[in-house]
Amino acid sequence: MNKIKTVLFAFIGIVMVSCSNNTPEATAEAFFTCIDNKDPECAKKYCNEKLGSFISIFQKTIADRKQGLGVTDIKCETTETTATCSCKLGNSVKKVGLKKRAGKWLVTSLK
């Protein structure tokens, strides 16, 4: 009975981790979706403190952007703790750098 419980808990843990939205792709998509929706406070949830301060400075620029461009074609080159992701925001390609901190992916730079 204990072996069955151990296998069951291991399986549940694997499923929970594999279904997690904590990936560079998901983080980049969420970040750019916030930008596309003109919501800098939302975007700050997906980036480090330094980039969050930068976003605060440029809130008006974000608010003046055209909304509803759509985030598509997300592609990331990932190592264990860093990633560079690109995506299409409307007709332009945007790139970000990400780092994994305390198990969570955060946007750390605009490229």
PDB file of N, CA and C in Angstrom:
ATOM      1  N   MET A   1       0.813  -1.200   0.000  1.00  0.00           N
ATOM      2  CA  MET A   1       0.000   0.000   0.000  1.00  0.00           C
ATOM      3  C   MET A   1       0.860   1.269   0.000  1.00  0.00           C
ATOM      4  N   ASN A   2       1.966   1.259   0.756  1.00  0.00           N
ATOM      5  CA  ASN A   2       2.841   2.432   0.797  1.00  0.00           C
ATOM      6  C   ASN A   2       3.501   2.685  -0.549  1.00  0.00           C
ATOM      7  N   LYS A   3       3.836   1.609  -1.268  1.00  0.00           N
ATOM      8  CA  LYS A   3       4.442   1.781  -2.597  1.00  0.00           C
ATOM      9  C   LYS A   3       3.456   2.433  -3.556  1.00  0.00           C
ATOM     10  N   ILE A   4       2.207   2.053  -3.461  1.00  0.00           N
ATOM     11  CA  ILE A   4       1.186   2.634  -4.328  1.00  0.00           C
ATOM     12  C   ILE A   4       1.037   4.122  -4.026  1.00  0.00           C
ATOM     13  N   LYS A   5       1.012   4.482  -2.749  1.00  0.00           N
ATOM     14  CA  LYS A   5       0.918   5.897  -2.368  1.00  0.00           C
ATOM     15  C   LYS A   5       2.124   6.677  -2.879  1.00  0.00           C
ATOM     16  N   THR A   6       3.319   6.105  -2.739  1.00  0.00           N
ATOM     17  CA  THR A   6       4.531   6.780  -3.188  1.00  0.00           C
ATOM     18  C   THR A   6       4.498   7.017  -4.689  1.00  0.00           C
ATOM     19  N   VAL A   7       4.110   6.004  -5.441  1.00  0.00           N
ATOM     20  CA  VAL A   7       4.035   6.132  -6.901  1.00  0.00           C
ATOM     21  C   VAL A   7       2.957   7.152  -7.279  1.00  0.00           C
ATOM     22  N   LEU A   8       1.835   7.114  -6.593  1.00  0.00           N
ATOM     23  CA  LEU A   8       0.748   8.042  -6.883  1.00  0.00           C
ATOM     24  C   LEU A   8       1.173   9.488  -6.620  1.00  0.00           C
ATOM     25  N   PHE A   9       1.806   9.749  -5.478  1.00  0.00           N
ATOM     26  CA  PHE A   9       2.262  11.106  -5.170  1.00  0.00           C
ATOM     27  C   PHE A   9       3.348  11.565  -6.137  1.00  0.00           C
ATOM     28  N   ALA A  10       4.233  10.676  -6.528  1.00  0.00           N
ATOM     29  CA  ALA A  10       5.270  11.034  -7.496  1.00  0.00           C
ATOM     30  C   ALA A  10       4.629  11.410  -8.835  1.00  0.00           C
ATOM     31  N   PHE A  11       3.637  10.637  -9.258  1.00  0.00           N
ATOM     32  CA  PHE A  11       2.940  10.910 -10.514  1.00  0.00           C
ATOM     33  C   PHE A  11       2.229  12.261 -10.460  1.00  0.00           C
ATOM     34  N   ILE A  12       1.543  12.534  -9.364  1.00  0.00           N
ATOM     35  CA  ILE A  12       0.836  13.802  -9.216  1.00  0.00           C
ATOM     36  C   ILE A  12       1.829  14.960  -9.248  1.00  0.00           C
ATOM     37  N   GLY A  13       2.973  14.803  -8.584  1.00  0.00           N
ATOM     38  CA  GLY A  13       3.998  15.849  -8.591  1.00  0.00           C
ATOM     39  C   GLY A  13       4.522  16.116  -9.986  1.00  0.00           C
ATOM     40  N   ILE A  14       4.777  15.068 -10.739  1.00  0.00           N
ATOM     41  CA  ILE A  14       5.274  15.219 -12.113  1.00  0.00           C
ATOM     42  C   ILE A  14       4.238  15.929 -12.980  1.00  0.00           C
ATOM     43  N   VAL A  15       2.984  15.553 -12.850  1.00  0.00           N
ATOM     44  CA  VAL A  15       1.922  16.179 -13.635  1.00  0.00           C
ATOM     45  C   VAL A  15       1.800  17.658 -13.284  1.00  0.00           C
ATOM     46  N   MET A  16       1.870  17.988 -11.997  1.00  0.00           N
ATOM     47  CA  MET A  16       1.749  19.388 -11.587  1.00  0.00           C
ATOM     48  C   MET A  16       2.897  20.223 -12.135  1.00  0.00           C
ATOM     49  N   VAL A  17       4.113  19.699 -12.109  1.00  0.00           N
ATOM     50  CA  VAL A  17       5.264  20.438 -12.617  1.00  0.00           C
ATOM     51  C   VAL A  17       5.181  20.581 -14.128  1.00  0.00           C
ATOM     52  N   SER A  18       4.799  19.527 -14.823  1.00  0.00           N
ATOM     53  CA  SER A  18       4.760  19.585 -16.289  1.00  0.00           C
ATOM     54  C   SER A  18       3.638  20.484 -16.794  1.00  0.00           C
ATOM     55  N   CYS A  19       2.593  20.673 -16.019  1.00  0.00           N
ATOM     56  CA  CYS A  19       1.487  21.543 -16.427  1.00  0.00           C
ATOM     57  C   CYS A  19       1.664  22.983 -15.951  1.00  0.00           C
ATOM     58  N   SER A  20       2.776  23.261 -15.342  1.00  0.00           N
ATOM     59  CA  SER A  20       3.025  24.583 -14.778  1.00  0.00           C
ATOM     60  C   SER A  20       3.160  25.626 -15.878  1.00  0.00           C
ATOM     61  N   ASN A  21       2.717  26.845 -15.566  1.00  0.00           N
ATOM     62  CA  ASN A  21       2.890  27.971 -16.478  1.00  0.00           C
ATOM     63  C   ASN A  21       4.189  28.700 -16.200  1.00  0.00           C
ATOM     64  N   ASN A  22       5.050  28.125 -15.397  1.00  0.00           N
ATOM     65  CA  ASN A  22       6.316  28.745 -15.050  1.00  0.00           C
ATOM     66  C   ASN A  22       7.384  28.339 -16.074  1.00  0.00           C
ATOM     67  N   THR A  23       7.214  28.831 -17.278  1.00  0.00           N
ATOM     68  CA  THR A  23       8.168  28.577 -18.352  1.00  0.00           C
ATOM     69  C   THR A  23       8.559  29.932 -18.941  1.00  0.00           C
ATOM     70  N   PRO A  24       9.706  30.009 -19.607  1.00  0.00           N
ATOM     71  CA  PRO A  24      10.065  31.278 -20.253  1.00  0.00           C
ATOM     72  C   PRO A  24       9.005  31.724 -21.270  1.00  0.00           C
ATOM     73  N   GLU A  25       8.470  30.778 -22.018  1.00  0.00           N
ATOM     74  CA  GLU A  25       7.461  31.111 -23.029  1.00  0.00           C
ATOM     75  C   GLU A  25       6.213  31.720 -22.387  1.00  0.00           C
ATOM     76  N   ALA A  26       5.731  31.089 -21.305  1.00  0.00           N
ATOM     77  CA  ALA A  26       4.525  31.587 -20.627  1.00  0.00           C
ATOM     78  C   ALA A  26       4.772  32.953 -20.003  1.00  0.00           C
ATOM     79  N   THR A  27       5.954  33.152 -19.422  1.00  0.00           N
ATOM     80  CA  THR A  27       6.277  34.427 -18.797  1.00  0.00           C
ATOM     81  C   THR A  27       6.375  35.532 -19.847  1.00  0.00           C
ATOM     82  N   ALA A  28       7.068  35.250 -20.961  1.00  0.00           N
ATOM     83  CA  ALA A  28       7.193  36.243 -22.031  1.00  0.00           C
ATOM     84  C   ALA A  28       5.820  36.584 -22.609  1.00  0.00           C
ATOM     85  N   GLU A  29       4.990  35.574 -22.812  1.00  0.00           N
ATOM     86  CA  GLU A  29       3.650  35.825 -23.352  1.00  0.00           C
ATOM     87  C   GLU A  29       2.831  36.685 -22.384  1.00  0.00           C
ATOM     88  N   ALA A  30       2.877  36.360 -21.103  1.00  0.00           N
ATOM     89  CA  ALA A  30       2.119  37.139 -20.116  1.00  0.00           C
ATOM     90  C   ALA A  30       2.619  38.583 -20.063  1.00  0.00           C
ATOM     91  N   PHE A  31       3.943  38.766 -20.075  1.00  0.00           N
ATOM     92  CA  PHE A  31       4.536  40.104 -20.041  1.00  0.00           C
ATOM     93  C   PHE A  31       4.070  40.937 -21.240  1.00  0.00           C
ATOM     94  N   PHE A  32       4.201  40.387 -22.449  1.00  0.00           N
ATOM     95  CA  PHE A  32       3.818  41.143 -23.645  1.00  0.00           C
ATOM     96  C   PHE A  32       2.304  41.322 -23.761  1.00  0.00           C
ATOM     97  N   THR A  33       1.538  40.388 -23.235  1.00  0.00           N
ATOM     98  CA  THR A  33       0.082  40.558 -23.223  1.00  0.00           C
ATOM     99  C   THR A  33      -0.298  41.741 -22.336  1.00  0.00           C
ATOM    100  N   CYS A  34       0.377  41.885 -21.202  1.00  0.00           N
ATOM    101  CA  CYS A  34       0.139  43.045 -20.329  1.00  0.00           C
ATOM    102  C   CYS A  34       0.486  44.346 -21.055  1.00  0.00           C
ATOM    103  N   ILE A  35       1.625  44.351 -21.753  1.00  0.00           N
ATOM    104  CA  ILE A  35       2.030  45.538 -22.514  1.00  0.00           C
ATOM    105  C   ILE A  35       0.999  45.829 -23.605  1.00  0.00           C
ATOM    106  N   ASP A  36       0.572  44.781 -24.315  1.00  0.00           N
ATOM    107  CA  ASP A  36      -0.413  44.945 -25.380  1.00  0.00           C
ATOM    108  C   ASP A  36      -1.737  45.477 -24.834  1.00  0.00           C
ATOM    109  N   ASN A  37      -2.058  45.117 -23.594  1.00  0.00           N
ATOM    110  CA  ASN A  37      -3.295  45.592 -22.964  1.00  0.00           C
ATOM    111  C   ASN A  37      -3.119  46.930 -22.243  1.00  0.00           C
ATOM    112  N   LYS A  38      -1.957  47.559 -22.443  1.00  0.00           N
ATOM    113  CA  LYS A  38      -1.651  48.863 -21.830  1.00  0.00           C
ATOM    114  C   LYS A  38      -1.736  48.808 -20.310  1.00  0.00           C
ATOM    115  N   ASP A  39      -1.208  47.729 -19.730  1.00  0.00           N
ATOM    116  CA  ASP A  39      -1.303  47.527 -18.287  1.00  0.00           C
ATOM    117  C   ASP A  39       0.099  47.348 -17.692  1.00  0.00           C
ATOM    118  N   PRO A  40       0.816  48.460 -17.450  1.00  0.00           N
ATOM    119  CA  PRO A  40       2.176  48.351 -16.933  1.00  0.00           C
ATOM    120  C   PRO A  40       2.245  47.686 -15.555  1.00  0.00           C
ATOM    121  N   GLU A  41       1.234  47.864 -14.728  1.00  0.00           N
ATOM    122  CA  GLU A  41       1.249  47.225 -13.406  1.00  0.00           C
ATOM    123  C   GLU A  41       1.209  45.705 -13.548  1.00  0.00           C
ATOM    124  N   CYS A  42       0.471  45.227 -14.501  1.00  0.00           N
ATOM    125  CA  CYS A  42       0.431  43.793 -14.786  1.00  0.00           C
ATOM    126  C   CYS A  42       1.789  43.320 -15.285  1.00  0.00           C
ATOM    127  N   ALA A  43       2.400  44.075 -16.191  1.00  0.00           N
ATOM    128  CA  ALA A  43       3.707  43.694 -16.750  1.00  0.00           C
ATOM    129  C   ALA A  43       4.765  43.574 -15.662  1.00  0.00           C
ATOM    130  N   LYS A  44       4.678  44.433 -14.638  1.00  0.00           N
ATOM    131  CA  LYS A  44       5.659  44.414 -13.550  1.00  0.00           C
ATOM    132  C   LYS A  44       5.641  43.108 -12.768  1.00  0.00           C
ATOM    133  N   LYS A  45       4.544  42.383 -12.810  1.00  0.00           N
ATOM    134  CA  LYS A  45       4.437  41.096 -12.110  1.00  0.00           C
ATOM    135  C   LYS A  45       5.344  40.043 -12.736  1.00  0.00           C
ATOM    136  N   TYR A  46       5.740  40.260 -13.989  1.00  0.00           N
ATOM    137  CA  TYR A  46       6.510  39.262 -14.733  1.00  0.00           C
ATOM    138  C   TYR A  46       7.960  39.672 -14.969  1.00  0.00           C
ATOM    139  N   CYS A  47       8.413  40.734 -14.288  1.00  0.00           N
ATOM    140  CA  CYS A  47       9.790  41.171 -14.498  1.00  0.00           C
ATOM    141  C   CYS A  47      10.479  41.440 -13.165  1.00  0.00           C
ATOM    142  N   ASN A  48      11.783  41.607 -13.221  1.00  0.00           N
ATOM    143  CA  ASN A  48      12.531  41.899 -12.006  1.00  0.00           C
ATOM    144  C   ASN A  48      12.311  43.356 -11.593  1.00  0.00           C
ATOM    145  N   GLU A  49      12.799  43.718 -10.415  1.00  0.00           N
ATOM    146  CA  GLU A  49      12.568  45.057  -9.864  1.00  0.00           C
ATOM    147  C   GLU A  49      13.173  46.155 -10.736  1.00  0.00           C
ATOM    148  N   LYS A  50      14.359  45.904 -11.275  1.00  0.00           N
ATOM    149  CA  LYS A  50      15.035  46.913 -12.096  1.00  0.00           C
ATOM    150  C   LYS A  50      14.213  47.236 -13.342  1.00  0.00           C
ATOM    151  N   LEU A  51      13.753  46.222 -14.046  1.00  0.00           N
ATOM    152  CA  LEU A  51      12.946  46.457 -15.246  1.00  0.00           C
ATOM    153  C   LEU A  51      11.589  47.039 -14.861  1.00  0.00           C
ATOM    154  N   GLY A  52      11.067  46.643 -13.711  1.00  0.00           N
ATOM    155  CA  GLY A  52       9.813  47.209 -13.229  1.00  0.00           C
ATOM    156  C   GLY A  52       9.919  48.709 -13.024  1.00  0.00           C
ATOM    157  N   SER A  53      11.060  49.178 -12.509  1.00  0.00           N
ATOM    158  CA  SER A  53      11.284  50.625 -12.338  1.00  0.00           C
ATOM    159  C   SER A  53      11.323  51.322 -13.694  1.00  0.00           C
ATOM    160  N   PHE A  54      11.960  50.687 -14.662  1.00  0.00           N
ATOM    161  CA  PHE A  54      12.036  51.222 -16.025  1.00  0.00           C
ATOM    162  C   PHE A  54      10.628  51.348 -16.614  1.00  0.00           C
ATOM    163  N   ILE A  55       9.809  50.327 -16.393  1.00  0.00           N
ATOM    164  CA  ILE A  55       8.435  50.354 -16.905  1.00  0.00           C
ATOM    165  C   ILE A  55       7.654  51.490 -16.256  1.00  0.00           C
ATOM    166  N   SER A  56       7.883  51.727 -14.972  1.00  0.00           N
ATOM    167  CA  SER A  56       7.200  52.829 -14.280  1.00  0.00           C
ATOM    168  C   SER A  56       7.519  54.167 -14.919  1.00  0.00           C
ATOM    169  N   ILE A  57       8.766  54.343 -15.322  1.00  0.00           N
ATOM    170  CA  ILE A  57       9.180  55.599 -15.951  1.00  0.00           C
ATOM    171  C   ILE A  57       8.476  55.798 -17.289  1.00  0.00           C
ATOM    172  N   PHE A  58       8.235  54.713 -18.008  1.00  0.00           N
ATOM    173  CA  PHE A  58       7.661  54.804 -19.354  1.00  0.00           C
ATOM    174  C   PHE A  58       6.182  54.415 -19.407  1.00  0.00           C
ATOM    175  N   GLN A  59       5.452  54.600 -18.310  1.00  0.00           N
ATOM    176  CA  GLN A  59       4.034  54.247 -18.289  1.00  0.00           C
ATOM    177  C   GLN A  59       3.233  54.995 -19.351  1.00  0.00           C
ATOM    178  N   LYS A  60       3.540  56.267 -19.562  1.00  0.00           N
ATOM    179  CA  LYS A  60       2.799  57.039 -20.561  1.00  0.00           C
ATOM    180  C   LYS A  60       3.041  56.486 -21.963  1.00  0.00           C
ATOM    181  N   THR A  61       4.279  56.107 -22.244  1.00  0.00           N
ATOM    182  CA  THR A  61       4.592  55.520 -23.549  1.00  0.00           C
ATOM    183  C   THR A  61       3.800  54.236 -23.757  1.00  0.00           C
ATOM    184  N   ILE A  62       3.717  53.423 -22.717  1.00  0.00           N
ATOM    185  CA  ILE A  62       2.948  52.178 -22.803  1.00  0.00           C
ATOM    186  C   ILE A  62       1.473  52.496 -23.022  1.00  0.00           C
ATOM    187  N   ALA A  63       0.962  53.495 -22.311  1.00  0.00           N
ATOM    188  CA  ALA A  63      -0.445  53.874 -22.430  1.00  0.00           C
ATOM    189  C   ALA A  63      -0.773  54.419 -23.822  1.00  0.00           C
ATOM    190  N   ASP A  64       0.213  55.017 -24.495  1.00  0.00           N
ATOM    191  CA  ASP A  64      -0.009  55.579 -25.828  1.00  0.00           C
ATOM    192  C   ASP A  64       0.112  54.545 -26.949  1.00  0.00           C
ATOM    193  N   ARG A  65       0.560  53.333 -26.620  1.00  0.00           N
ATOM    194  CA  ARG A  65       0.704  52.285 -27.642  1.00  0.00           C
ATOM    195  C   ARG A  65      -0.651  51.887 -28.218  1.00  0.00           C
ATOM    196  N   LYS A  66      -0.608  51.392 -29.416  1.00  0.00           N
ATOM    197  CA  LYS A  66      -1.808  50.847 -30.015  1.00  0.00           C
ATOM    198  C   LYS A  66      -2.140  49.542 -29.287  1.00  0.00           C
ATOM    199  N   GLN A  67      -3.391  49.364 -28.916  1.00  0.00           N
ATOM    200  CA  GLN A  67      -3.789  48.186 -28.156  1.00  0.00           C
ATOM    201  C   GLN A  67      -4.349  47.109 -29.073  1.00  0.00           C
ATOM    202  N   GLY A  68      -4.259  45.864 -28.633  1.00  0.00           N
ATOM    203  CA  GLY A  68      -4.875  44.759 -29.344  1.00  0.00           C
ATOM    204  C   GLY A  68      -4.089  44.257 -30.539  1.00  0.00           C
ATOM    205  N   LEU A  69      -2.767  44.415 -30.489  1.00  0.00           N
ATOM    206  CA  LEU A  69      -1.945  43.945 -31.602  1.00  0.00           C
ATOM    207  C   LEU A  69      -1.843  42.425 -31.621  1.00  0.00           C
ATOM    208  N   GLY A  70      -1.917  41.805 -30.463  1.00  0.00           N
ATOM    209  CA  GLY A  70      -1.840  40.352 -30.356  1.00  0.00           C
ATOM    210  C   GLY A  70      -0.417  39.865 -30.222  1.00  0.00           C
ATOM    211  N   VAL A  71      -0.213  38.907 -29.344  1.00  0.00           N
ATOM    212  CA  VAL A  71       1.094  38.310 -29.101  1.00  0.00           C
ATOM    213  C   VAL A  71       1.101  36.929 -29.743  1.00  0.00           C
ATOM    214  N   THR A  72       2.012  36.723 -30.704  1.00  0.00           N
ATOM    215  CA  THR A  72       2.067  35.443 -31.418  1.00  0.00           C
ATOM    216  C   THR A  72       3.514  35.005 -31.620  1.00  0.00           C
ATOM    217  N   ASP A  73       3.692  33.796 -32.090  1.00  0.00           N
ATOM    218  CA  ASP A  73       4.989  33.239 -32.493  1.00  0.00           C
ATOM    219  C   ASP A  73       6.068  33.379 -31.411  1.00  0.00           C
ATOM    220  N   ILE A  74       5.776  32.902 -30.220  1.00  0.00           N
ATOM    221  CA  ILE A  74       6.742  32.986 -29.130  1.00  0.00           C
ATOM    222  C   ILE A  74       7.758  31.865 -29.278  1.00  0.00           C
ATOM    223  N   LYS A  75       9.028  32.261 -29.296  1.00  0.00           N
ATOM    224  CA  LYS A  75      10.125  31.300 -29.424  1.00  0.00           C
ATOM    225  C   LYS A  75      11.194  31.659 -28.408  1.00  0.00           C
ATOM    226  N   CYS A  76      11.702  30.654 -27.695  1.00  0.00           N
ATOM    227  CA  CYS A  76      12.716  30.902 -26.672  1.00  0.00           C
ATOM    228  C   CYS A  76      13.906  29.977 -26.851  1.00  0.00           C
ATOM    229  N   GLU A  77      15.076  30.525 -26.600  1.00  0.00           N
ATOM    230  CA  GLU A  77      16.299  29.742 -26.476  1.00  0.00           C
ATOM    231  C   GLU A  77      16.611  29.729 -24.991  1.00  0.00           C
ATOM    232  N   THR A  78      16.600  28.536 -24.397  1.00  0.00           N
ATOM    233  CA  THR A  78      16.638  28.426 -22.948  1.00  0.00           C
ATOM    234  C   THR A  78      17.806  27.569 -22.474  1.00  0.00           C
ATOM    235  N   THR A  79      18.463  28.050 -21.415  1.00  0.00           N
ATOM    236  CA  THR A  79      19.405  27.226 -20.660  1.00  0.00           C
ATOM    237  C   THR A  79      18.719  26.930 -19.329  1.00  0.00           C
ATOM    238  N   GLU A  80      19.464  26.401 -18.393  1.00  0.00           N
ATOM    239  CA  GLU A  80      18.855  26.045 -17.107  1.00  0.00           C
ATOM    240  C   GLU A  80      18.323  27.261 -16.352  1.00  0.00           C
ATOM    241  N   THR A  81      19.028  28.394 -16.447  1.00  0.00           N
ATOM    242  CA  THR A  81      18.633  29.570 -15.653  1.00  0.00           C
ATOM    243  C   THR A  81      18.438  30.851 -16.457  1.00  0.00           C
ATOM    244  N   THR A  82      18.646  30.820 -17.767  1.00  0.00           N
ATOM    245  CA  THR A  82      18.453  32.011 -18.591  1.00  0.00           C
ATOM    246  C   THR A  82      17.705  31.652 -19.871  1.00  0.00           C
ATOM    247  N   ALA A  83      17.096  32.667 -20.451  1.00  0.00           N
ATOM    248  CA  ALA A  83      16.396  32.462 -21.719  1.00  0.00           C
ATOM    249  C   ALA A  83      16.345  33.778 -22.479  1.00  0.00           C
ATOM    250  N   THR A  84      16.315  33.672 -23.790  1.00  0.00           N
ATOM    251  CA  THR A  84      16.045  34.807 -24.662  1.00  0.00           C
ATOM    252  C   THR A  84      14.828  34.419 -25.488  1.00  0.00           C
ATOM    253  N   CYS A  85      13.801  35.240 -25.408  1.00  0.00           N
ATOM    254  CA  CYS A  85      12.557  34.936 -26.108  1.00  0.00           C
ATOM    255  C   CYS A  85      12.220  36.053 -27.090  1.00  0.00           C
ATOM    256  N   SER A  86      11.636  35.659 -28.187  1.00  0.00           N
ATOM    257  CA  SER A  86      11.134  36.626 -29.155  1.00  0.00           C
ATOM    258  C   SER A  86       9.681  36.297 -29.438  1.00  0.00           C
ATOM    259  N   CYS A  87       8.932  37.322 -29.807  1.00  0.00           N
ATOM    260  CA  CYS A  87       7.547  37.109 -30.194  1.00  0.00           C
ATOM    261  C   CYS A  87       7.128  38.248 -31.107  1.00  0.00           C
ATOM    262  N   LYS A  88       6.055  38.015 -31.800  1.00  0.00           N
ATOM    263  CA  LYS A  88       5.492  39.071 -32.637  1.00  0.00           C
ATOM    264  C   LYS A  88       4.433  39.791 -31.834  1.00  0.00           C
ATOM    265  N   LEU A  89       4.547  41.100 -31.808  1.00  0.00           N
ATOM    266  CA  LEU A  89       3.543  41.966 -31.196  1.00  0.00           C
ATOM    267  C   LEU A  89       3.041  42.825 -32.339  1.00  0.00           C
ATOM    268  N   GLY A  90       1.928  42.422 -32.898  1.00  0.00           N
ATOM    269  CA  GLY A  90       1.467  43.047 -34.135  1.00  0.00           C
ATOM    270  C   GLY A  90       2.384  42.623 -35.262  1.00  0.00           C
ATOM    271  N   ASN A  91       2.963  43.593 -35.979  1.00  0.00           N
ATOM    272  CA  ASN A  91       3.868  43.296 -37.087  1.00  0.00           C
ATOM    273  C   ASN A  91       5.341  43.358 -36.699  1.00  0.00           C
ATOM    274  N   SER A  92       5.646  43.715 -35.458  1.00  0.00           N
ATOM    275  CA  SER A  92       7.051  43.836 -35.062  1.00  0.00           C
ATOM    276  C   SER A  92       7.472  42.689 -34.152  1.00  0.00           C
ATOM    277  N   VAL A  93       8.746  42.339 -34.242  1.00  0.00           N
ATOM    278  CA  VAL A  93       9.305  41.286 -33.403  1.00  0.00           C
ATOM    279  C   VAL A  93       9.959  41.937 -32.190  1.00  0.00           C
ATOM    280  N   LYS A  94       9.595  41.469 -31.023  1.00  0.00           N
ATOM    281  CA  LYS A  94      10.137  41.975 -29.769  1.00  0.00           C
ATOM    282  C   LYS A  94      10.920  40.857 -29.092  1.00  0.00           C
ATOM    283  N   LYS A  95      12.014  41.229 -28.410  1.00  0.00           N
ATOM    284  CA  LYS A  95      12.836  40.245 -27.709  1.00  0.00           C
ATOM    285  C   LYS A  95      13.018  40.653 -26.254  1.00  0.00           C
ATOM    286  N   VAL A  96      13.084  39.649 -25.402  1.00  0.00           N
ATOM    287  CA  VAL A  96      13.346  39.876 -23.981  1.00  0.00           C
ATOM    288  C   VAL A  96      14.332  38.835 -23.474  1.00  0.00           C
ATOM    289  N   GLY A  97      15.066  39.224 -22.443  1.00  0.00           N
ATOM    290  CA  GLY A  97      15.918  38.292 -21.724  1.00  0.00           C
ATOM    291  C   GLY A  97      15.226  37.918 -20.424  1.00  0.00           C
ATOM    292  N   LEU A  98      15.339  36.666 -20.038  1.00  0.00           N
ATOM    293  CA  LEU A  98      14.725  36.194 -18.802  1.00  0.00           C
ATOM    294  C   LEU A  98      15.760  35.460 -17.957  1.00  0.00           C
ATOM    295  N   LYS A  99      15.553  35.480 -16.647  1.00  0.00           N
ATOM    296  CA  LYS A  99      16.377  34.722 -15.719  1.00  0.00           C
ATOM    297  C   LYS A  99      15.464  34.017 -14.739  1.00  0.00           C
ATOM    298  N   LYS A 100      15.906  32.845 -14.327  1.00  0.00           N
ATOM    299  CA  LYS A 100      15.151  32.082 -13.349  1.00  0.00           C
ATOM    300  C   LYS A 100      15.669  32.439 -11.970  1.00  0.00           C
ATOM    301  N   ARG A 101      14.799  32.978 -11.123  1.00  0.00           N
ATOM    302  CA  ARG A 101      15.148  33.378  -9.766  1.00  0.00           C
ATOM    303  C   ARG A 101      14.192  32.698  -8.801  1.00  0.00           C
ATOM    304  N   ALA A 102      14.745  31.980  -7.853  1.00  0.00           N
ATOM    305  CA  ALA A 102      13.933  31.279  -6.833  1.00  0.00           C
ATOM    306  C   ALA A 102      12.857  30.424  -7.487  1.00  0.00           C
ATOM    307  N   GLY A 103      13.209  29.786  -8.604  1.00  0.00           N
ATOM    308  CA  GLY A 103      12.295  28.885  -9.295  1.00  0.00           C
ATOM    309  C   GLY A 103      11.270  29.560 -10.192  1.00  0.00           C
ATOM    310  N   LYS A 104      11.341  30.879 -10.323  1.00  0.00           N
ATOM    311  CA  LYS A 104      10.359  31.613 -11.138  1.00  0.00           C
ATOM    312  C   LYS A 104      11.082  32.356 -12.256  1.00  0.00           C
ATOM    313  N   TRP A 105      10.539  32.295 -13.473  1.00  0.00           N
ATOM    314  CA  TRP A 105      11.097  33.007 -14.616  1.00  0.00           C
ATOM    315  C   TRP A 105      10.646  34.456 -14.575  1.00  0.00           C
ATOM    316  N   LEU A 106      11.601  35.389 -14.725  1.00  0.00           N
ATOM    317  CA  LEU A 106      11.317  36.815 -14.735  1.00  0.00           C
ATOM    318  C   LEU A 106      11.981  37.478 -15.939  1.00  0.00           C
ATOM    319  N   VAL A 107      11.261  38.396 -16.568  1.00  0.00           N
ATOM    320  CA  VAL A 107      11.849  39.196 -17.643  1.00  0.00           C
ATOM    321  C   VAL A 107      12.830  40.159 -16.998  1.00  0.00           C
ATOM    322  N   THR A 108      14.067  40.172 -17.505  1.00  0.00           N
ATOM    323  CA  THR A 108      15.107  41.011 -16.911  1.00  0.00           C
ATOM    324  C   THR A 108      15.624  42.079 -17.862  1.00  0.00           C
ATOM    325  N   SER A 109      15.351  41.939 -19.161  1.00  0.00           N
ATOM    326  CA  SER A 109      15.843  42.934 -20.109  1.00  0.00           C
ATOM    327  C   SER A 109      15.005  42.946 -21.375  1.00  0.00           C
ATOM    328  N   LEU A 110      14.941  44.116 -21.977  1.00  0.00           N
ATOM    329  CA  LEU A 110      14.335  44.282 -23.295  1.00  0.00           C
ATOM    330  C   LEU A 110      15.466  44.336 -24.286  1.00  0.00           C
ATOM    331  N   LYS A 111      15.357  43.604 -25.363  1.00  0.00           N
ATOM    332  CA  LYS A 111      16.457  43.544 -26.319  1.00  0.00           C
ATOM    333  C   LYS A 111      16.049  44.145 -27.637  1.00  0.00           C
TER     334      LYS A 111
END
